[in-house]
Amino acid sequence: MVLSLLYAGGEKAVTFGAVAAGAGLAASSLVQRHGSVAGMIRDARAHAWAGRQARLLALDATLPPNAKGAVALLKALAEAGMPDPSEAADPALASLAADWRAGVEGALAARLGGGAKGAELAAILFAAWAGQMAWSAAGGRGFRLKEALRRLGG
């Protein structure tokens, strides 16, 4: 509920009353649990990062351990959309984001041969993918991950 309000109307749209009405809870319960609207937003964003991490772990366990699996991993993560970059301003959320990124890069590296070369390819591919996600959201033209990986030598 918090994230829906946040994405639809920004931080001003998130109030204890609006969340309580949408979630069928008492506003006082939300105040007791989160302390402030900022705390409630941070908790909701942290919950979203936990969901991203769980999705990553599930994908990592099921996708093939090869270059095709690396491309499939990024495509599946893209379906969930790119996280809000403003979250990096909060140290607690930045830590969760860094852990997620390390997990994505680790999963990619394992599929790209491992070692230093796999890690380097994974970092480059992650950066290219994140850039593509940001630009495509703004209407920019993307590229094919499979082709980028081929050109990188993965």
Protein backbone atom coordinates (compact mmCIF):
# COMPACT_ATOMS: atom_id res chain seq x y z
CA MET A 1 0.00 0.00 0.00
CA VAL A 2 2.78 2.40 0.95
CA LEU A 3 4.71 1.79 -2.26
CA SER A 4 1.57 2.10 -4.37
CA LEU A 5 0.82 5.51 -2.86
CA LEU A 6 4.46 6.52 -3.11
CA TYR A 7 4.79 5.64 -6.79
CA ALA A 8 1.42 7.13 -7.69
CA GLY A 9 1.69 10.44 -5.85
CA GLY A 10 5.12 10.82 -4.29
CA GLU A 11 5.97 11.07 -0.61
CA LYS A 12 3.24 13.67 0.02
CA ALA A 13 0.62 11.05 -0.90
CA VAL A 14 1.81 8.70 1.86
CA THR A 15 0.08 9.44 5.14
CA PHE A 16 -0.88 7.22 8.02
CA GLY A 17 -4.53 7.90 7.19
CA ALA A 18 -4.19 7.00 3.50
CA VAL A 19 -2.27 3.80 4.22
CA ALA A 20 -4.66 2.83 7.00
CA ALA A 21 -7.69 3.35 4.75
CA GLY A 22 -6.16 1.38 1.89
CA ALA A 23 -4.88 -1.46 4.04
CA GLY A 24 -7.85 -1.69 6.39
CA LEU A 25 -5.75 -0.95 9.45
CA ALA A 26 -5.94 1.62 12.23
CA ALA A 27 -3.68 4.63 11.67
CA SER A 28 -2.61 4.39 15.33
CA SER A 29 -1.28 0.87 14.69
CA LEU A 30 0.85 2.19 11.85
CA VAL A 31 2.18 5.03 14.01
CA GLN A 32 3.02 2.54 16.76
CA ARG A 33 4.84 0.20 14.37
CA HIS A 34 6.73 2.71 12.20
CA GLY A 35 6.98 5.84 14.36
CA SER A 36 6.78 8.28 11.48
CA VAL A 37 5.71 8.47 7.87
CA ALA A 38 9.39 8.52 6.86
CA GLY A 39 9.92 5.35 8.90
CA MET A 40 6.93 3.71 7.26
CA ILE A 41 8.25 4.58 3.79
CA ARG A 42 11.73 3.30 4.68
CA ASP A 43 10.25 0.05 6.05
CA ALA A 44 8.18 -0.43 2.90
CA ARG A 45 11.23 0.14 0.71
CA ALA A 46 13.29 -2.27 2.82
CA HIS A 47 10.52 -4.85 2.40
CA ALA A 48 10.69 -4.32 -1.37
CA TRP A 49 14.46 -4.92 -1.31
CA ALA A 50 13.89 -8.15 0.63
CA GLY A 51 11.45 -9.21 -2.11
CA ARG A 52 14.02 -8.41 -4.81
CA GLN A 53 16.62 -10.45 -2.96
CA ALA A 54 14.23 -13.41 -2.63
CA ARG A 55 13.42 -13.23 -6.35
CA LEU A 56 17.13 -13.14 -7.18
CA LEU A 57 17.82 -16.21 -5.04
CA ALA A 58 14.93 -18.11 -6.63
CA LEU A 59 16.08 -17.24 -10.14
CA ASP A 60 19.70 -18.07 -9.32
CA ALA A 61 18.64 -21.53 -8.17
CA THR A 62 16.56 -22.31 -11.25
CA LEU A 63 18.28 -20.73 -14.26
CA PRO A 64 20.98 -22.56 -16.22
CA PRO A 65 24.61 -21.93 -15.18
CA ASN A 66 25.70 -20.49 -18.53
CA ALA A 67 25.59 -17.28 -20.59
CA LYS A 68 21.98 -17.94 -21.60
CA GLY A 69 21.15 -18.17 -17.91
CA ALA A 70 22.87 -14.82 -17.31
CA VAL A 71 20.73 -13.14 -19.96
CA ALA A 72 17.59 -14.87 -18.64
CA LEU A 73 18.42 -13.66 -15.12
CA LEU A 74 18.62 -10.02 -16.18
CA LYS A 75 15.47 -10.28 -18.30
CA ALA A 76 13.54 -11.79 -15.39
CA LEU A 77 14.80 -9.09 -13.01
CA ALA A 78 13.84 -6.42 -15.55
CA GLU A 79 10.23 -7.62 -15.47
CA ALA A 80 10.02 -6.43 -11.87
CA GLY A 81 11.31 -2.99 -12.87
CA MET A 82 14.26 -0.97 -11.74
CA PRO A 83 14.47 0.14 -8.11
CA ASP A 84 14.14 3.83 -7.25
CA PRO A 85 17.67 5.33 -7.28
CA SER A 86 16.70 7.90 -4.63
CA GLU A 87 16.74 5.08 -2.08
CA ALA A 88 20.55 5.23 -2.05
CA ALA A 89 20.29 8.43 0.02
CA ASP A 90 19.21 6.32 3.02
CA PRO A 91 22.23 4.38 4.37
CA ALA A 92 20.10 1.40 5.47
CA LEU A 93 18.52 1.10 2.02
CA ALA A 94 21.84 1.73 0.27
CA SER A 95 23.25 -1.27 2.12
CA LEU A 96 20.35 -3.46 0.96
CA ALA A 97 20.79 -2.19 -2.60
CA ALA A 98 24.53 -2.92 -2.49
CA ASP A 99 23.86 -6.44 -1.21
CA TRP A 100 21.34 -7.04 -4.01
CA ARG A 101 23.74 -5.73 -6.64
CA ALA A 102 26.54 -7.94 -5.28
CA GLY A 103 24.14 -10.90 -5.45
CA VAL A 104 23.19 -10.13 -9.05
CA GLU A 105 26.81 -9.69 -10.07
CA GLY A 106 27.75 -12.90 -8.25
CA ALA A 107 25.03 -14.86 -10.03
CA LEU A 108 26.13 -13.40 -13.36
CA ALA A 109 29.81 -14.07 -12.69
CA ALA A 110 29.12 -17.73 -11.90
CA ARG A 111 27.33 -18.02 -15.26
CA LEU A 112 30.12 -16.23 -17.12
CA GLY A 113 32.97 -18.53 -16.17
CA GLY A 114 33.69 -17.38 -12.63
CA GLY A 115 37.01 -16.00 -11.47
CA ALA A 116 38.28 -12.50 -12.09
CA LYS A 117 37.17 -12.48 -15.74
CA GLY A 118 33.65 -13.61 -14.86
CA ALA A 119 33.42 -10.97 -12.13
CA GLU A 120 34.61 -8.24 -14.49
CA LEU A 121 32.15 -9.30 -17.20
CA ALA A 122 29.37 -9.44 -14.61
CA ALA A 123 30.11 -5.90 -13.38
CA ILE A 124 30.13 -4.53 -16.93
CA LEU A 125 26.97 -6.40 -17.90
CA PHE A 126 25.18 -5.25 -14.74
CA ALA A 127 26.13 -1.62 -15.40
CA ALA A 128 24.99 -1.86 -19.03
CA TRP A 129 21.72 -3.50 -17.98
CA ALA A 130 21.04 -0.91 -15.27
CA GLY A 131 21.75 1.88 -17.74
CA GLN A 132 19.46 0.29 -20.29
CA MET A 133 16.71 0.02 -17.69
CA ALA A 134 17.05 3.70 -16.77
CA TRP A 135 17.09 4.91 -20.37
CA SER A 136 14.29 2.65 -21.58
CA ALA A 137 12.10 4.00 -18.75
CA ALA A 138 12.77 7.46 -20.19
CA GLY A 139 11.88 6.30 -23.71
CA GLY A 140 15.42 5.62 -24.86
CA ARG A 141 16.36 2.82 -27.19
CA GLY A 142 17.84 -0.26 -25.58
CA PHE A 143 20.11 -3.03 -26.80
CA ARG A 144 20.00 -6.79 -26.79
CA LEU A 145 21.64 -8.24 -23.70
CA LYS A 146 22.66 -11.34 -25.61
CA GLU A 147 24.49 -9.22 -28.20
CA ALA A 148 26.19 -7.11 -25.51
CA LEU A 149 27.37 -10.26 -23.75
CA ARG A 150 28.71 -11.69 -27.03
CA ARG A 151 30.66 -8.50 -27.72
CA LEU A 152 32.10 -8.54 -24.21
CA GLY A 153 33.39 -12.04 -24.84
CA GLY A 154 31.09 -13.86 -22.43
